[in-house]
Amino acid sequence: MEIRVNPIGLTLVRVIKREAARILGQGLDFFDGTPILDLKRYRAKYRVDEFTLPEWFRKIADDKGYV
C-alpha cells in the first residue's frame, strides 16, 4: 500500500492561545496573510511517518524539500 501526503499545506502546529475568533500558533509554514482553511486536533494514531512524494514535486523541490 502506497500512502501519499500532499506536501502543500500540511503542518503540525502548536496552538499557543485562542482570542475570540483568532488562534495564535507556533510553527506555521505559510506566507503571511494566507488563510487557514482547516484545523484538526492532533491524534497520534493518524500520524504518517512513511510516505512518498509525487515525482513532479521531487523534481522542483530543493534538497530540504522546499519549492
C-alpha atoms as a PDB file:
ATOM      1  CA  MET A   1       0.000   0.000   0.000  1.00  0.00           C
ATOM      2  CA  GLU A   2       1.386   3.370  -1.010  1.00  0.00           C
ATOM      3  CA  ILE A   3       0.443   6.371   1.107  1.00  0.00           C
ATOM      4  CA  ARG A   4       0.713   9.845  -0.375  1.00  0.00           C
ATOM      5  CA  VAL A   5       0.598  13.028   1.606  1.00  0.00           C
ATOM      6  CA  ASN A   6       0.051  16.340  -0.135  1.00  0.00           C
ATOM      7  CA  PRO A   7       3.205  18.363   0.694  1.00  0.00           C
ATOM      8  CA  ILE A   8       1.328  21.639   0.304  1.00  0.00           C
ATOM      9  CA  GLY A   9      -0.345  22.998   3.424  1.00  0.00           C
ATOM     10  CA  LEU A  10       0.218  20.115   5.821  1.00  0.00           C
ATOM     11  CA  THR A  11       1.796  21.298   9.055  1.00  0.00           C
ATOM     12  CA  LEU A  12       1.788  20.229  12.663  1.00  0.00           C
ATOM     13  CA  VAL A  13       1.333  23.469  14.649  1.00  0.00           C
ATOM     14  CA  ARG A  14       1.384  24.180  18.366  1.00  0.00           C
ATOM     15  CA  VAL A  15      -1.605  26.265  19.438  1.00  0.00           C
ATOM     16  CA  ILE A  16      -0.423  28.965  21.850  1.00  0.00           C
ATOM     17  CA  LYS A  17      -3.770  30.556  22.700  1.00  0.00           C
ATOM     18  CA  ARG A  18      -7.185  31.478  21.379  1.00  0.00           C
ATOM     19  CA  GLU A  19      -8.509  35.037  21.430  1.00  0.00           C
ATOM     20  CA  ALA A  20     -12.162  35.130  20.314  1.00  0.00           C
ATOM     21  CA  ALA A  21     -12.101  34.098  16.630  1.00  0.00           C
ATOM     22  CA  ARG A  22      -8.270  34.162  16.441  1.00  0.00           C
ATOM     23  CA  ILE A  23      -5.998  31.225  17.117  1.00  0.00           C
ATOM     24  CA  LEU A  24      -2.342  32.011  17.789  1.00  0.00           C
ATOM     25  CA  GLY A  25       0.031  29.244  16.788  1.00  0.00           C
ATOM     26  CA  GLN A  26       3.713  28.426  16.514  1.00  0.00           C
ATOM     27  CA  GLY A  27       5.452  26.578  13.703  1.00  0.00           C
ATOM     28  CA  LEU A  28       3.331  27.659  10.752  1.00  0.00           C
ATOM     29  CA  ASP A  29       4.981  27.303   7.327  1.00  0.00           C
ATOM     30  CA  PHE A  30       2.910  29.568   5.119  1.00  0.00           C
ATOM     31  CA  PHE A  31       3.142  33.052   3.640  1.00  0.00           C
ATOM     32  CA  ASP A  32       1.887  35.967   5.750  1.00  0.00           C
ATOM     33  CA  GLY A  33      -1.786  36.603   5.090  1.00  0.00           C
ATOM     34  CA  THR A  34      -2.560  33.092   3.823  1.00  0.00           C
ATOM     35  CA  PRO A  35      -5.905  31.882   5.209  1.00  0.00           C
ATOM     36  CA  ILE A  36      -6.034  28.638   7.166  1.00  0.00           C
ATOM     37  CA  LEU A  37      -8.951  26.649   5.867  1.00  0.00           C
ATOM     38  CA  ASP A  38      -8.967  23.628   8.148  1.00  0.00           C
ATOM     39  CA  LEU A  39      -7.821  22.812  11.666  1.00  0.00           C
ATOM     40  CA  LYS A  40      -7.809  19.370  13.192  1.00  0.00           C
ATOM     41  CA  ARG A  41      -6.620  18.336  16.597  1.00  0.00           C
ATOM     42  CA  TYR A  42      -3.537  16.144  16.726  1.00  0.00           C
ATOM     43  CA  ARG A  43      -4.118  12.423  17.114  1.00  0.00           C
ATOM     44  CA  ALA A  44      -1.041  10.227  17.303  1.00  0.00           C
ATOM     45  CA  LYS A  45      -2.795   7.264  15.702  1.00  0.00           C
ATOM     46  CA  TYR A  46      -3.220   9.263  12.462  1.00  0.00           C
ATOM     47  CA  ARG A  47       0.448  10.244  12.237  1.00  0.00           C
ATOM     48  CA  VAL A  48       2.141   9.222   8.973  1.00  0.00           C
ATOM     49  CA  ASP A  49       5.900   8.751   9.100  1.00  0.00           C
ATOM     50  CA  GLU A  50       6.377   6.814   5.861  1.00  0.00           C
ATOM     51  CA  PHE A  51       5.066   8.431   2.708  1.00  0.00           C
ATOM     52  CA  THR A  52       6.061   9.126  -0.873  1.00  0.00           C
ATOM     53  CA  LEU A  53       6.069  12.422  -2.697  1.00  0.00           C
ATOM     54  CA  PRO A  54       4.839  12.765  -6.271  1.00  0.00           C
ATOM     55  CA  GLU A  55       7.579  12.751  -8.913  1.00  0.00           C
ATOM     56  CA  TRP A  56       6.642  16.291 -10.081  1.00  0.00           C
ATOM     57  CA  PHE A  57       7.229  17.618  -6.559  1.00  0.00           C
ATOM     58  CA  ARG A  58      10.595  15.890  -6.163  1.00  0.00           C
ATOM     59  CA  LYS A  59      11.757  17.475  -9.439  1.00  0.00           C
ATOM     60  CA  ILE A  60      11.046  21.040  -8.319  1.00  0.00           C
ATOM     61  CA  ALA A  61      11.935  20.796  -4.601  1.00  0.00           C
ATOM     62  CA  ASP A  62      15.387  21.621  -3.288  1.00  0.00           C
ATOM     63  CA  ASP A  63      17.409  19.285  -1.043  1.00  0.00           C
ATOM     64  CA  LYS A  64      15.379  20.381   2.015  1.00  0.00           C
ATOM     65  CA  GLY A  65      12.018  19.819   0.340  1.00  0.00           C
ATOM     66  CA  TYR A  66      11.228  23.466  -0.336  1.00  0.00           C
ATOM     67  CA  VAL A  67       9.824  24.723  -3.616  1.00  0.00           C
END
